[in-house]
Each structure stands twice: as structure tokens, then as C-alpha cells.
N, C-alpha and C. Protein backbone atom coordinates (compact mmCIF):
# COMPACT_ATOMS: atom_id res chain seq x y z
N MET A 1 -102.09 53.59 56.85
CA MET A 1 -103.33 52.57 55.76
C MET A 1 -102.96 51.42 56.10
N PRO A 2 -104.02 50.57 56.54
CA PRO A 2 -103.86 48.77 56.78
C PRO A 2 -103.82 48.54 55.00
N GLY A 3 -103.00 47.43 54.78
CA GLY A 3 -103.04 47.36 53.40
C GLY A 3 -101.63 48.12 52.80
N SER A 4 -101.06 48.81 53.15
CA SER A 4 -100.28 49.21 52.66
C SER A 4 -98.59 48.62 52.85
N TYR A 5 -98.22 48.57 51.52
CA TYR A 5 -97.03 47.78 52.06
C TYR A 5 -95.62 48.89 51.29
N LEU A 6 -96.23 49.54 50.69
CA LEU A 6 -94.94 51.16 50.42
C LEU A 6 -95.20 51.77 51.50
N PRO A 7 -94.25 52.10 52.56
CA PRO A 7 -94.29 53.56 53.44
C PRO A 7 -94.47 54.35 52.66
N SER A 8 -95.49 55.64 52.62
CA SER A 8 -95.52 56.89 52.12
C SER A 8 -94.67 58.01 52.36
N GLU A 9 -93.26 57.57 53.22
CA GLU A 9 -92.05 58.23 53.37
C GLU A 9 -91.38 57.78 52.49
N TYR A 10 -91.41 56.73 51.60
CA TYR A 10 -90.70 57.04 50.65
C TYR A 10 -90.89 57.16 48.88
N LEU A 11 -92.36 57.59 48.99
CA LEU A 11 -92.94 58.14 48.02
C LEU A 11 -91.73 59.52 47.14
N PRO A 12 -91.24 60.37 47.95
CA PRO A 12 -90.36 61.37 47.60
C PRO A 12 -88.97 61.05 46.92
N ILE A 13 -88.32 59.68 47.59
CA ILE A 13 -87.40 59.35 47.35
C ILE A 13 -87.51 58.68 45.56
N LEU A 14 -88.58 57.73 45.67
CA LEU A 14 -88.41 57.29 44.25
C LEU A 14 -88.98 57.78 43.51
N MET A 15 -89.51 58.75 43.39
CA MET A 15 -89.93 60.33 42.54
C MET A 15 -89.06 60.67 42.28
N LEU A 16 -87.74 61.24 43.06
CA LEU A 16 -86.36 62.19 42.79
C LEU A 16 -85.27 60.96 41.84
N LEU A 17 -85.60 59.32 42.50
CA LEU A 17 -84.88 58.31 41.67
C LEU A 17 -85.27 58.35 39.96
N VAL A 18 -86.90 58.38 40.41
CA VAL A 18 -87.39 57.84 38.83
C VAL A 18 -86.77 59.69 37.58
N THR A 19 -87.11 60.64 38.51
CA THR A 19 -86.43 61.86 37.90
C THR A 19 -85.66 61.69 37.25
N GLY A 20 -84.52 62.09 38.41
CA GLY A 20 -82.74 61.53 37.84
C GLY A 20 -82.50 60.48 36.92
N ILE A 21 -82.80 59.39 36.75
CA ILE A 21 -82.84 58.83 35.68
C ILE A 21 -83.21 59.04 34.93
N ALA A 22 -84.57 59.74 34.52
CA ALA A 22 -85.30 60.37 33.01
C ALA A 22 -84.57 61.36 32.62
N PHE A 23 -84.40 62.20 33.60
CA PHE A 23 -82.86 63.43 33.19
C PHE A 23 -82.28 63.19 32.69
N GLY A 24 -81.34 62.22 33.20
CA GLY A 24 -79.78 61.12 32.70
C GLY A 24 -80.44 60.79 31.49
N VAL A 25 -80.89 60.14 31.08
CA VAL A 25 -81.43 59.50 29.81
C VAL A 25 -81.65 60.75 28.54
N LEU A 26 -82.72 61.26 29.10
CA LEU A 26 -83.34 62.44 27.98
C LEU A 26 -81.99 63.16 27.77
N VAL A 27 -80.96 63.75 28.43
CA VAL A 27 -80.35 64.79 27.93
C VAL A 27 -79.17 63.98 27.43
N LEU A 28 -78.61 62.39 27.47
CA LEU A 28 -78.29 61.86 26.48
C LEU A 28 -78.43 61.95 25.27
N TRP A 29 -80.21 61.50 25.22
CA TRP A 29 -80.85 61.24 23.72
C TRP A 29 -80.45 62.64 22.94
N ILE A 30 -81.02 63.84 23.38
CA ILE A 30 -80.61 65.30 23.00
C ILE A 30 -78.90 65.40 22.73
N GLY A 31 -78.16 64.76 23.44
CA GLY A 31 -77.21 65.22 23.22
C GLY A 31 -76.84 64.64 21.37
N LYS A 32 -77.47 63.16 21.64
CA LYS A 32 -76.89 62.19 20.78
C LYS A 32 -77.71 62.61 19.40
N LEU A 33 -78.78 63.56 19.68
CA LEU A 33 -79.87 63.77 18.67
C LEU A 33 -79.19 65.03 18.00
N PHE A 34 -77.98 66.09 18.60
CA PHE A 34 -77.51 67.33 18.15
C PHE A 34 -76.62 67.64 17.88
N ARG A 35 -75.61 66.75 18.67
CA ARG A 35 -73.68 66.57 18.25
C ARG A 35 -73.53 66.51 16.56
N VAL A 36 -72.24 66.79 16.30
CA VAL A 36 -72.16 66.93 15.26
C VAL A 36 -71.35 65.72 15.21
N GLN A 37 -71.78 65.07 13.88
CA GLN A 37 -70.94 63.57 14.08
C GLN A 37 -70.14 63.69 12.96
N ARG A 38 -68.40 63.66 12.82
CA ARG A 38 -67.44 63.72 11.83
C ARG A 38 -66.86 62.70 12.46
N PRO A 39 -66.53 61.83 12.54
CA PRO A 39 -65.35 60.82 12.93
C PRO A 39 -64.30 60.08 11.99
N TYR A 40 -62.79 60.62 12.30
CA TYR A 40 -61.56 60.52 11.54
C TYR A 40 -60.72 59.73 12.48
N PHE A 41 -59.61 59.43 11.87
CA PHE A 41 -59.18 58.11 12.13
C PHE A 41 -58.57 58.84 13.89
N GLU A 42 -58.10 60.17 13.53
CA GLU A 42 -57.22 60.64 15.36
C GLU A 42 -58.56 60.26 16.33
N LYS A 43 -59.47 60.71 15.82
CA LYS A 43 -60.83 61.11 17.12
C LYS A 43 -60.90 59.35 17.84
N LEU A 44 -60.31 58.29 16.91
CA LEU A 44 -60.70 56.53 16.91
C LEU A 44 -60.50 55.84 17.86
N VAL A 45 -58.77 56.44 17.74
CA VAL A 45 -57.38 55.62 18.39
C VAL A 45 -57.71 55.91 19.87
N ALA A 46 -57.41 55.26 20.59
CA ALA A 46 -57.77 55.32 22.08
C ALA A 46 -56.60 56.48 22.44
N TYR A 47 -57.44 57.16 23.45
CA TYR A 47 -56.37 58.19 24.41
C TYR A 47 -55.38 57.80 25.44
N GLU A 48 -53.92 58.07 24.94
CA GLU A 48 -53.42 56.92 25.99
C GLU A 48 -52.72 58.52 26.65
N SER A 49 -52.91 59.94 27.14
CA SER A 49 -52.26 60.86 28.00
C SER A 49 -51.29 61.51 26.26
N GLY A 50 -52.02 61.90 25.36
CA GLY A 50 -51.56 62.59 24.21
C GLY A 50 -50.78 61.91 23.88
N ASN A 51 -50.02 60.55 23.66
CA ASN A 51 -48.83 60.01 23.28
C ASN A 51 -49.40 58.70 22.71
N PRO A 52 -49.07 58.40 21.65
CA PRO A 52 -49.66 57.70 20.39
C PRO A 52 -49.65 56.39 21.30
N PRO A 53 -50.67 55.05 21.12
CA PRO A 53 -50.45 54.13 21.98
C PRO A 53 -49.00 52.89 21.65
N THR A 54 -49.07 52.21 22.41
CA THR A 54 -47.87 51.75 22.37
C THR A 54 -47.86 50.18 22.50
N GLU A 55 -49.15 49.74 23.45
CA GLU A 55 -49.49 48.44 23.70
C GLU A 55 -50.88 48.07 23.08
N GLU A 56 -50.91 47.14 23.14
CA GLU A 56 -52.28 46.35 23.00
C GLU A 56 -53.02 47.01 24.36
N PRO A 57 -54.55 47.19 24.07
CA PRO A 57 -55.26 47.86 24.98
C PRO A 57 -55.81 46.99 25.95
N ARG A 58 -55.34 45.90 26.02
CA ARG A 58 -55.93 44.61 26.97
C ARG A 58 -54.38 44.05 27.63
N MET A 59 -53.68 45.07 28.08
CA MET A 59 -52.81 45.01 28.48
C MET A 59 -52.64 44.38 30.42
N ARG A 60 -51.92 43.23 30.63
CA ARG A 60 -52.23 43.20 31.91
C ARG A 60 -51.22 43.83 33.32
N PHE A 61 -52.00 43.93 33.86
CA PHE A 61 -51.89 45.52 34.93
C PHE A 61 -51.00 44.47 36.40
N SER A 62 -50.18 44.65 36.66
CA SER A 62 -49.27 44.13 38.10
C SER A 62 -49.86 43.66 39.18
N VAL A 63 -49.94 43.05 39.74
CA VAL A 63 -50.91 42.60 40.92
C VAL A 63 -50.25 43.55 42.03
N LYS A 64 -49.58 44.55 42.01
CA LYS A 64 -49.29 45.50 42.61
C LYS A 64 -49.92 46.63 42.51
N PHE A 65 -50.69 46.84 41.40
CA PHE A 65 -51.13 48.21 41.49
C PHE A 65 -52.95 47.85 42.11
N TYR A 66 -53.42 46.66 42.00
CA TYR A 66 -54.21 46.50 42.80
C TYR A 66 -54.93 46.35 44.25
N THR A 67 -52.88 45.95 45.22
CA THR A 67 -52.67 45.58 46.01
C THR A 67 -52.56 47.18 46.98
N ILE A 68 -52.10 47.90 46.00
CA ILE A 68 -51.93 49.27 46.53
C ILE A 68 -53.32 50.02 46.64
N ALA A 69 -54.33 49.85 45.83
CA ALA A 69 -55.78 50.69 45.57
C ALA A 69 -56.35 49.94 46.87
N ILE A 70 -55.85 48.50 46.90
CA ILE A 70 -57.17 48.40 48.12
C ILE A 70 -56.52 48.59 49.28
N LEU A 71 -55.39 48.55 49.82
CA LEU A 71 -54.88 49.25 50.74
C LEU A 71 -55.41 50.53 50.89
N PHE A 72 -55.45 51.88 50.05
CA PHE A 72 -55.43 53.02 50.10
C PHE A 72 -56.95 53.13 50.33
N ILE A 73 -58.01 52.42 50.05
CA ILE A 73 -58.97 51.80 50.01
C ILE A 73 -59.45 51.67 51.85
N VAL A 74 -58.75 50.46 51.92
CA VAL A 74 -58.76 50.12 53.67
C VAL A 74 -58.74 51.19 54.34
N PHE A 75 -57.44 51.43 54.41
CA PHE A 75 -57.18 52.78 55.31
C PHE A 75 -58.15 54.34 54.96
N ASP A 76 -58.36 54.70 54.20
CA ASP A 76 -58.55 55.68 54.22
C ASP A 76 -60.63 55.58 54.42
N VAL A 77 -60.81 53.83 54.07
CA VAL A 77 -62.39 53.75 55.32
C VAL A 77 -62.35 53.63 56.50
N GLU A 78 -61.20 53.56 57.06
CA GLU A 78 -60.59 53.03 58.33
C GLU A 78 -60.83 54.25 59.34
N ALA A 79 -60.30 55.47 58.43
CA ALA A 79 -60.24 56.84 58.81
C ALA A 79 -61.24 57.63 59.04
N ILE A 80 -62.24 57.10 58.21
CA ILE A 80 -63.59 57.91 58.04
C ILE A 80 -64.17 57.53 59.21
N PHE A 81 -64.11 56.60 60.05
CA PHE A 81 -64.68 55.92 61.23
C PHE A 81 -64.37 57.29 62.44
N LEU A 82 -63.16 57.85 62.25
CA LEU A 82 -62.68 58.49 63.60
C LEU A 82 -63.46 59.79 63.78
N TYR A 83 -64.02 60.37 62.36
CA TYR A 83 -64.74 61.65 62.60
C TYR A 83 -65.95 61.41 63.50
N PRO A 84 -66.77 60.56 63.03
CA PRO A 84 -68.03 60.31 64.07
C PRO A 84 -67.61 59.81 65.50
N TRP A 85 -66.59 59.81 65.76
CA TRP A 85 -65.72 59.33 67.15
C TRP A 85 -65.69 60.77 67.80
N ALA A 86 -65.19 61.23 67.15
CA ALA A 86 -64.50 62.65 67.41
C ALA A 86 -65.87 63.65 67.99
N LEU A 87 -66.75 63.31 67.42
CA LEU A 87 -67.99 64.14 67.49
C LEU A 87 -69.01 63.61 68.64
N VAL A 88 -68.83 62.87 69.04
CA VAL A 88 -69.09 62.07 70.17
C VAL A 88 -68.10 61.64 71.48
N PHE A 89 -67.54 62.61 71.61
CA PHE A 89 -66.11 61.88 72.43
C PHE A 89 -66.36 62.56 73.94
N ASN A 90 -66.87 63.23 73.60
CA ASN A 90 -67.36 63.52 75.43
C ASN A 90 -68.26 62.94 76.18
N LYS A 91 -69.42 62.44 74.92
CA LYS A 91 -70.82 61.76 75.61
C LYS A 91 -69.95 60.33 76.23
N LEU A 92 -69.01 60.06 75.92
CA LEU A 92 -69.06 58.35 75.30
C LEU A 92 -67.56 57.68 76.59
N GLY A 93 -66.68 59.07 77.02
CA GLY A 93 -65.92 58.75 78.37
C GLY A 93 -65.06 57.97 77.65
N LEU A 94 -63.96 57.13 79.09
CA LEU A 94 -63.44 56.55 78.67
C LEU A 94 -63.48 55.21 78.30
N PHE A 95 -64.41 54.95 77.78
CA PHE A 95 -64.33 53.32 77.59
C PHE A 95 -64.45 53.52 75.59
N ALA A 96 -64.62 54.66 75.43
CA ALA A 96 -64.72 55.16 73.88
C ALA A 96 -63.07 55.61 73.71
N LEU A 97 -62.80 55.95 74.79
CA LEU A 97 -61.25 56.37 74.48
C LEU A 97 -60.70 55.01 74.12
N LEU A 98 -60.88 54.35 75.36
CA LEU A 98 -59.90 52.99 74.75
C LEU A 98 -59.96 52.32 73.44
N GLU A 99 -61.15 52.02 73.27
CA GLU A 99 -61.77 51.37 72.22
C GLU A 99 -61.12 51.82 71.36
N MET A 100 -60.51 53.35 70.88
CA MET A 100 -60.37 53.76 70.08
C MET A 100 -59.06 53.76 69.66
N PHE A 101 -58.38 53.74 71.20
CA PHE A 101 -56.81 53.23 70.95
C PHE A 101 -56.57 52.07 70.59
N ILE A 102 -57.11 51.00 71.02
CA ILE A 102 -57.45 49.73 70.05
C ILE A 102 -57.66 49.62 68.74
N PHE A 103 -58.36 50.35 68.39
CA PHE A 103 -58.47 50.27 66.62
C PHE A 103 -57.62 50.72 65.79
N ILE A 104 -56.97 52.08 66.42
CA ILE A 104 -55.88 52.70 65.98
C ILE A 104 -54.24 51.80 65.67
N ILE A 105 -54.46 50.96 67.04
CA ILE A 105 -53.04 49.83 67.19
C ILE A 105 -53.46 48.51 66.39
N LEU A 106 -54.78 48.79 65.98
CA LEU A 106 -54.74 47.38 64.88
C LEU A 106 -54.99 47.90 63.87
N LEU A 107 -54.97 49.36 63.52
CA LEU A 107 -55.00 50.04 61.71
C LEU A 107 -53.37 50.01 62.20
N LEU A 108 -52.99 50.46 62.61
CA LEU A 108 -51.03 50.05 62.77
C LEU A 108 -50.02 49.30 62.63
N ILE A 109 -50.88 48.14 63.12
CA ILE A 109 -50.15 46.84 62.58
C ILE A 109 -50.32 46.25 61.50
N GLY A 110 -51.90 46.06 61.24
CA GLY A 110 -51.98 46.54 59.71
C GLY A 110 -51.30 47.35 58.55
N TYR A 111 -50.90 48.34 59.07
CA TYR A 111 -49.81 49.14 58.10
C TYR A 111 -48.42 49.06 58.13
N VAL A 112 -48.33 48.45 59.50
CA VAL A 112 -46.41 48.25 59.58
C VAL A 112 -46.73 46.64 59.06
N TYR A 113 -47.72 45.49 58.41
CA TYR A 113 -47.34 44.19 58.17
C TYR A 113 -47.36 44.48 56.76
N ALA A 114 -48.14 45.00 56.37
CA ALA A 114 -48.05 45.72 54.38
C ALA A 114 -46.89 46.48 54.29
N TRP A 115 -46.30 47.14 55.23
CA TRP A 115 -45.07 47.79 54.91
C TRP A 115 -43.80 46.75 54.74
N LYS A 116 -44.15 45.62 55.48
CA LYS A 116 -42.67 44.75 55.88
C LYS A 116 -42.87 43.63 54.31
N LYS A 117 -43.92 43.47 54.49
CA LYS A 117 -44.22 42.52 53.37
C LYS A 117 -44.38 43.15 51.78
N GLY A 118 -43.73 44.62 51.52
CA GLY A 118 -43.28 45.09 50.35
C GLY A 118 -44.55 45.76 49.67
N ASN A 119 -45.63 45.71 50.31
CA ASN A 119 -47.03 46.35 49.84
C ASN A 119 -47.12 47.74 49.34
N LEU A 120 -46.35 48.52 49.95
CA LEU A 120 -46.51 49.39 49.53
C LEU A 120 -45.17 50.34 48.94
N GLU A 121 -44.73 49.57 48.27
CA GLU A 121 -43.33 49.50 47.32
C GLU A 121 -44.17 49.73 45.92
N TRP A 122 -44.03 50.66 44.99
CA TRP A 122 -44.41 50.83 43.73
C TRP A 122 -43.61 49.96 42.69
N ASP A 123 -42.25 50.10 43.21
CA ASP A 123 -40.74 49.72 42.30
C ASP A 123 -40.75 48.10 42.21
N ASN A 124 -41.35 47.76 43.35
CA ASN A 124 -40.86 45.84 43.18
C ASN A 124 -41.59 45.32 42.15
């Protein structure tokens, strides 16, 4: 239809999104309306693995925690690229095999670099 800026294929996606958000808000509202509210001190204390809190809630984390988390995400995401490559390997041929070897070698270089810098050690 000329003049239509919203493709008709996106209408079901928009409807699903609106329905999902409305359902989430409705369920939370119904839960708040019907739940029993009896707050007492133990319920209001911050939960720390069943132990009483020992430090301030806004304590500082070591940068090592974030470094390990980022390295995990990077190597995990890079490993995801191996799956689609393996599915179409027969169609791609020798060129794709060489590209994947280069990709894996770059990953190994990054891994060895992080290892040598001590970024994979938790206790340092």
C-alpha cells in the first residue's frame, strides 16, 4: 500500500510485544494486590547467602572480578561463532577452514596474553 511507512510484517511482532508487556504489568499488579504484607526486621535485612551481613552494602569490588567476567563473555561469544561455521563447512571449502584457523589462533593469542598477565587468577 503506498504511503504506509510501517511494514505489515511487523504488526504481529508489535502485538506480541504489547501483549507481553501488558501481561507482565498485569501479573505484577495482581500479585501486589493479593499478597500478604507482614514486614518484620528479618524480612527487611539484606540477604547474604543465609549469613548476617558483615559489610556495608556498597562495598567495592576488585577490578579482577570484572576482568574475569569480561574475559568469560568475550571467549564465550567467540565460541558461539564456531557453530554456524561448522554447519556450513562443507559448502565453504578450504578458504573457510583457513579463516577459522586464523580466528582460533587469534583467540589462543588472546587467551595466552590474558594468562600471562595473570587475569585468569582469582586470588591475586
